[in-house]
Amino acid sequence: LRYAINLNAEGILLSLSSETSNLTHLMATKDSEIPLVLLDKTIYSDSFSSISIDGEEATYQAVSYLLKKGLNQIAGVFGAPEMTITQTRVRGYRKALKEFGNSNEMEMMVDQIDAFPQVWAQFMAQNPNIDGIFTMSDELLVRTHYALRKSGLKIPGDVALFSISDGQAPLYLYPNVSHLKHSGFEVGKQAAKLLFNLMSDFDNMTLDAKLPIELVELDSV
């Protein structure tokens, strides 16, 4: 950010790292009147505009979809719990279970993706009756799919699998995975449009825009 400010950048597009918990370090761009737009991985702020999907609503829709299919032992596979993206999707998972009167909360938190096999083994040992799994991202989807196949569990015969995805990974897996699709291309496109608008007319207005998602029913449920 200092580098961009010193170069008199006219605008900044920024996707936050997984470890980011607050945005105080970004305020220097406000002082320098450089428009900044957060995209994809965001933290809500009154100070900065952002473009993303509504992770809580998407997860709520995903888990509700599985519940409506008659599944009642649905696990949620999430990233590091301190991440805002994880927290919003956990809220959506819990909201769906609560509205359907289901108290079987089974949340697997993966702090570091390299530790997935160990976390998975412990989680499955504690929750042997799972009949459905929701994963919050493509990265976790691929790991979960591999673990299920390695253990000999059939998808969807033994366990259903559903994810939030950009739509690419689910088509590379067998069986193809049902998912709620969001377009990374569209996120980037809309973020750039918003940034150009702010560059031409910089003011203190902020916009927290949520892009639509699409249900794609394939073969894993």
Protein backbone atom coordinates (compact mmCIF):
# COMPACT_ATOMS: atom_id res chain seq x y z
CA LEU A 1 0.00 0.00 0.00
CA ARG A 2 2.87 2.39 0.77
CA TYR A 3 4.34 1.53 -2.60
CA ALA A 4 1.04 2.28 -4.37
CA ILE A 5 0.65 5.56 -2.46
CA ASN A 6 4.21 6.65 -3.25
CA LEU A 7 3.56 5.96 -6.93
CA ASN A 8 0.41 8.10 -6.80
CA ALA A 9 -1.76 5.18 -7.87
CA GLU A 10 -5.15 6.26 -9.15
CA GLY A 11 -6.98 3.26 -7.67
CA ILE A 12 -6.44 -0.05 -5.92
CA LEU A 13 -8.23 -3.41 -6.19
CA LEU A 14 -7.53 -5.59 -3.17
CA SER A 15 -8.40 -9.15 -2.17
CA LEU A 16 -7.66 -9.61 1.52
CA SER A 17 -5.44 -12.38 2.82
CA SER A 18 -6.96 -15.12 4.94
CA GLU A 19 -5.25 -13.75 8.04
CA THR A 20 -6.73 -10.25 7.79
CA SER A 21 -9.01 -9.43 10.72
CA ASN A 22 -9.39 -5.63 10.43
CA LEU A 23 -8.85 -2.85 7.90
CA THR A 24 -7.06 -0.18 9.91
CA HIS A 25 -3.94 -0.58 7.77
CA LEU A 26 -5.95 0.51 4.70
CA MET A 27 -6.88 3.92 6.07
CA ALA A 28 -3.73 5.45 4.58
CA THR A 29 -5.41 5.19 1.17
CA LYS A 30 -8.33 7.30 2.45
CA ASP A 31 -5.91 9.96 3.71
CA SER A 32 -4.29 10.01 0.26
CA GLU A 33 -7.70 10.03 -1.48
CA ILE A 34 -6.91 6.88 -3.45
CA PRO A 35 -10.07 4.85 -4.17
CA LEU A 36 -9.84 1.25 -2.97
CA VAL A 37 -12.26 -1.58 -3.71
CA LEU A 38 -12.21 -4.91 -1.89
CA LEU A 39 -13.17 -7.96 -3.92
CA ASP A 40 -14.00 -11.58 -3.19
CA LYS A 41 -12.43 -11.98 0.28
CA THR A 42 -13.74 -8.96 2.14
CA ILE A 43 -14.50 -7.58 5.58
CA TYR A 44 -17.49 -5.29 5.81
CA SER A 45 -16.53 -1.68 6.44
CA ASP A 46 -18.18 1.73 6.27
CA SER A 47 -14.91 3.08 4.87
CA PHE A 48 -14.33 0.89 1.81
CA SER A 49 -16.45 -0.39 -1.04
CA SER A 50 -16.55 -4.11 -1.71
CA ILE A 51 -17.83 -6.66 -4.23
CA SER A 52 -18.49 -10.25 -3.18
CA ILE A 53 -21.21 -12.84 -2.79
CA ASP A 54 -23.39 -13.04 0.30
CA GLY A 55 -21.61 -15.96 1.96
CA GLU A 56 -24.15 -16.31 4.76
CA GLU A 57 -27.12 -16.43 2.39
CA ALA A 58 -25.32 -18.78 -0.02
CA THR A 59 -24.52 -21.22 2.79
CA TYR A 60 -28.06 -20.97 4.11
CA GLN A 61 -29.41 -21.86 0.66
CA ALA A 62 -26.93 -24.73 0.26
CA VAL A 63 -27.67 -26.38 3.60
CA SER A 64 -31.42 -25.80 3.15
CA TYR A 65 -31.15 -27.58 -0.20
CA LEU A 66 -29.60 -30.62 1.47
CA LEU A 67 -32.18 -30.61 4.26
CA LYS A 68 -35.01 -30.49 1.75
CA LYS A 69 -33.50 -33.58 0.11
CA GLY A 70 -34.16 -35.45 3.36
CA LEU A 71 -30.64 -35.40 4.79
CA ASN A 72 -30.40 -34.70 8.51
CA GLN A 73 -26.78 -35.39 9.51
CA ILE A 74 -25.14 -32.59 7.53
CA ALA A 75 -21.56 -31.60 8.26
CA GLY A 76 -20.10 -28.21 7.37
CA VAL A 77 -16.45 -28.03 6.33
CA PHE A 78 -15.06 -24.54 6.92
CA GLY A 79 -11.76 -22.69 6.85
CA ALA A 80 -9.94 -20.95 9.68
CA PRO A 81 -12.51 -19.73 12.24
CA GLU A 82 -10.96 -16.26 12.58
CA MET A 83 -11.64 -15.49 8.92
CA THR A 84 -14.67 -13.30 8.21
CA ILE A 85 -15.57 -15.46 5.22
CA THR A 86 -15.69 -18.50 7.54
CA GLN A 87 -17.74 -16.73 10.19
CA THR A 88 -20.40 -15.59 7.73
CA ARG A 89 -20.73 -19.06 6.21
CA VAL A 90 -20.93 -20.73 9.61
CA ARG A 91 -23.81 -18.38 10.45
CA GLY A 92 -25.61 -19.47 7.29
CA TYR A 93 -25.06 -23.15 8.16
CA ARG A 94 -26.44 -22.72 11.67
CA LYS A 95 -29.36 -20.60 10.47
CA ALA A 96 -30.50 -23.30 8.04
CA LEU A 97 -30.30 -26.06 10.64
CA LYS A 98 -32.19 -23.96 13.17
CA GLU A 99 -35.01 -23.09 10.76
CA PHE A 100 -35.47 -26.77 9.93
CA GLY A 101 -35.46 -27.75 13.60
CA ASN A 102 -32.22 -29.68 13.20
CA SER A 103 -29.83 -29.54 16.15
CA ASN A 104 -27.11 -31.71 14.60
CA GLU A 105 -24.38 -29.10 14.22
CA MET A 106 -21.21 -30.74 12.94
CA GLU A 107 -18.61 -28.15 12.04
CA MET A 108 -15.14 -29.06 10.85
CA MET A 109 -12.71 -26.14 11.01
CA VAL A 110 -9.52 -26.30 8.95
CA ASP A 111 -6.99 -23.75 10.20
CA GLN A 112 -4.27 -24.86 7.79
CA ILE A 113 -5.13 -26.69 4.58
CA ASP A 114 -2.06 -28.94 4.92
CA ALA A 115 -3.51 -30.29 8.16
CA PHE A 116 -6.72 -31.39 6.43
CA PRO A 117 -6.06 -35.18 6.57
CA GLN A 118 -5.48 -35.14 10.32
CA VAL A 119 -8.46 -32.88 11.04
CA TRP A 120 -10.64 -34.98 8.74
CA ALA A 121 -9.70 -38.28 10.39
CA GLN A 122 -10.52 -36.96 13.84
CA PHE A 123 -13.74 -35.31 12.69
CA MET A 124 -15.08 -38.42 10.95
CA ALA A 125 -14.23 -40.59 13.93
CA GLN A 126 -16.36 -38.30 16.08
CA ASN A 127 -19.19 -38.04 13.53
CA PRO A 128 -19.59 -41.45 11.86
CA ASN A 129 -23.24 -41.00 10.82
CA ILE A 130 -22.84 -38.08 8.42
CA ASP A 131 -25.13 -38.33 5.38
CA GLY A 132 -24.36 -34.96 3.78
CA ILE A 133 -21.42 -32.56 3.60
CA PHE A 134 -21.32 -28.87 2.72
CA THR A 135 -17.93 -27.31 1.91
CA MET A 136 -17.49 -23.55 1.90
CA SER A 137 -14.92 -23.32 -0.91
CA ASP A 138 -13.43 -25.14 -3.89
CA GLU A 139 -10.19 -25.82 -2.01
CA LEU A 140 -12.05 -27.59 0.78
CA LEU A 141 -14.33 -29.31 -1.73
CA VAL A 142 -11.42 -30.97 -3.53
CA ARG A 143 -9.85 -32.12 -0.25
CA THR A 144 -13.16 -33.45 1.04
CA HIS A 145 -13.96 -35.27 -2.20
CA TYR A 146 -10.56 -36.95 -2.17
CA ALA A 147 -10.94 -37.99 1.49
CA LEU A 148 -14.38 -39.46 0.85
CA ARG A 149 -13.22 -41.45 -2.15
CA LYS A 150 -10.09 -42.63 -0.33
CA SER A 151 -12.19 -43.91 2.56
CA GLY A 152 -14.39 -45.90 0.18
CA LEU A 153 -17.55 -43.88 0.81
CA LYS A 154 -19.80 -43.56 -2.21
CA ILE A 155 -21.00 -40.17 -3.45
CA PRO A 156 -23.97 -39.81 -3.25
CA GLY A 157 -24.83 -43.34 -2.16
CA ASP A 158 -23.26 -43.06 1.29
CA VAL A 159 -22.91 -39.32 1.61
CA ALA A 160 -24.10 -36.32 -0.42
CA LEU A 161 -21.65 -33.53 -1.24
CA PHE A 162 -22.42 -29.87 -1.97
CA SER A 163 -20.28 -26.74 -2.19
CA ILE A 164 -20.02 -23.06 -2.95
CA SER A 165 -17.86 -22.87 -6.07
CA ASP A 166 -16.78 -20.84 -9.06
CA GLY A 167 -18.07 -23.73 -11.14
CA GLN A 168 -14.79 -25.23 -12.37
CA ALA A 169 -13.69 -27.75 -9.72
CA PRO A 170 -17.08 -29.51 -9.49
CA LEU A 171 -16.81 -30.49 -13.15
CA TYR A 172 -13.33 -32.02 -12.72
CA LEU A 173 -14.50 -34.36 -9.94
CA TYR A 174 -16.38 -37.65 -10.26
CA PRO A 175 -19.22 -37.62 -9.75
CA ASN A 176 -19.70 -33.99 -10.74
CA VAL A 177 -20.54 -32.00 -7.62
CA SER A 178 -23.76 -30.02 -7.15
CA HIS A 179 -22.98 -26.48 -6.09
CA LEU A 180 -23.98 -22.85 -5.78
CA LYS A 181 -22.03 -21.12 -8.49
CA HIS A 182 -20.52 -17.68 -8.26
CA SER A 183 -18.46 -16.13 -11.01
CA GLY A 184 -14.98 -14.96 -10.05
CA PHE A 185 -14.84 -13.32 -13.47
CA GLU A 186 -17.98 -11.32 -12.72
CA VAL A 187 -16.67 -10.33 -9.27
CA GLY A 188 -13.52 -8.95 -10.87
CA LYS A 189 -15.43 -7.23 -13.66
CA GLN A 190 -17.86 -5.48 -11.32
CA ALA A 191 -15.09 -4.52 -8.91
CA ALA A 192 -13.12 -2.91 -11.74
CA LYS A 193 -16.21 -1.01 -12.93
CA LEU A 194 -16.82 0.28 -9.42
CA LEU A 195 -13.20 1.31 -9.04
CA PHE A 196 -13.25 3.23 -12.34
CA ASN A 197 -16.36 5.08 -11.16
CA LEU A 198 -14.69 6.00 -7.87
CA MET A 199 -11.54 7.12 -9.72
CA SER A 200 -13.55 9.52 -11.86
CA ASP A 201 -15.58 10.87 -8.94
CA PHE A 202 -13.85 10.19 -5.62
CA ASP A 203 -15.97 10.82 -2.55
CA ASN A 204 -16.69 9.13 0.76
CA MET A 205 -19.56 6.99 -0.55
CA THR A 206 -19.11 3.27 0.03
CA LEU A 207 -20.95 0.35 -1.54
CA ASP A 208 -21.14 -3.22 -0.25
CA ALA A 209 -22.41 -5.05 -3.34
CA LYS A 210 -23.45 -8.71 -3.34
CA LEU A 211 -23.49 -10.59 -6.63
CA PRO A 212 -26.07 -13.28 -7.40
CA ILE A 213 -25.39 -17.01 -7.20
CA GLU A 214 -26.81 -19.89 -9.26
CA LEU A 215 -27.87 -23.38 -8.18
CA VAL A 216 -26.21 -26.06 -10.33
CA GLU A 217 -27.62 -29.54 -9.71
CA LEU A 218 -25.27 -32.33 -10.81
CA ASP A 219 -24.65 -35.85 -9.52
CA SER A 220 -23.41 -35.65 -5.92
CA VAL A 221 -26.73 -35.30 -4.06
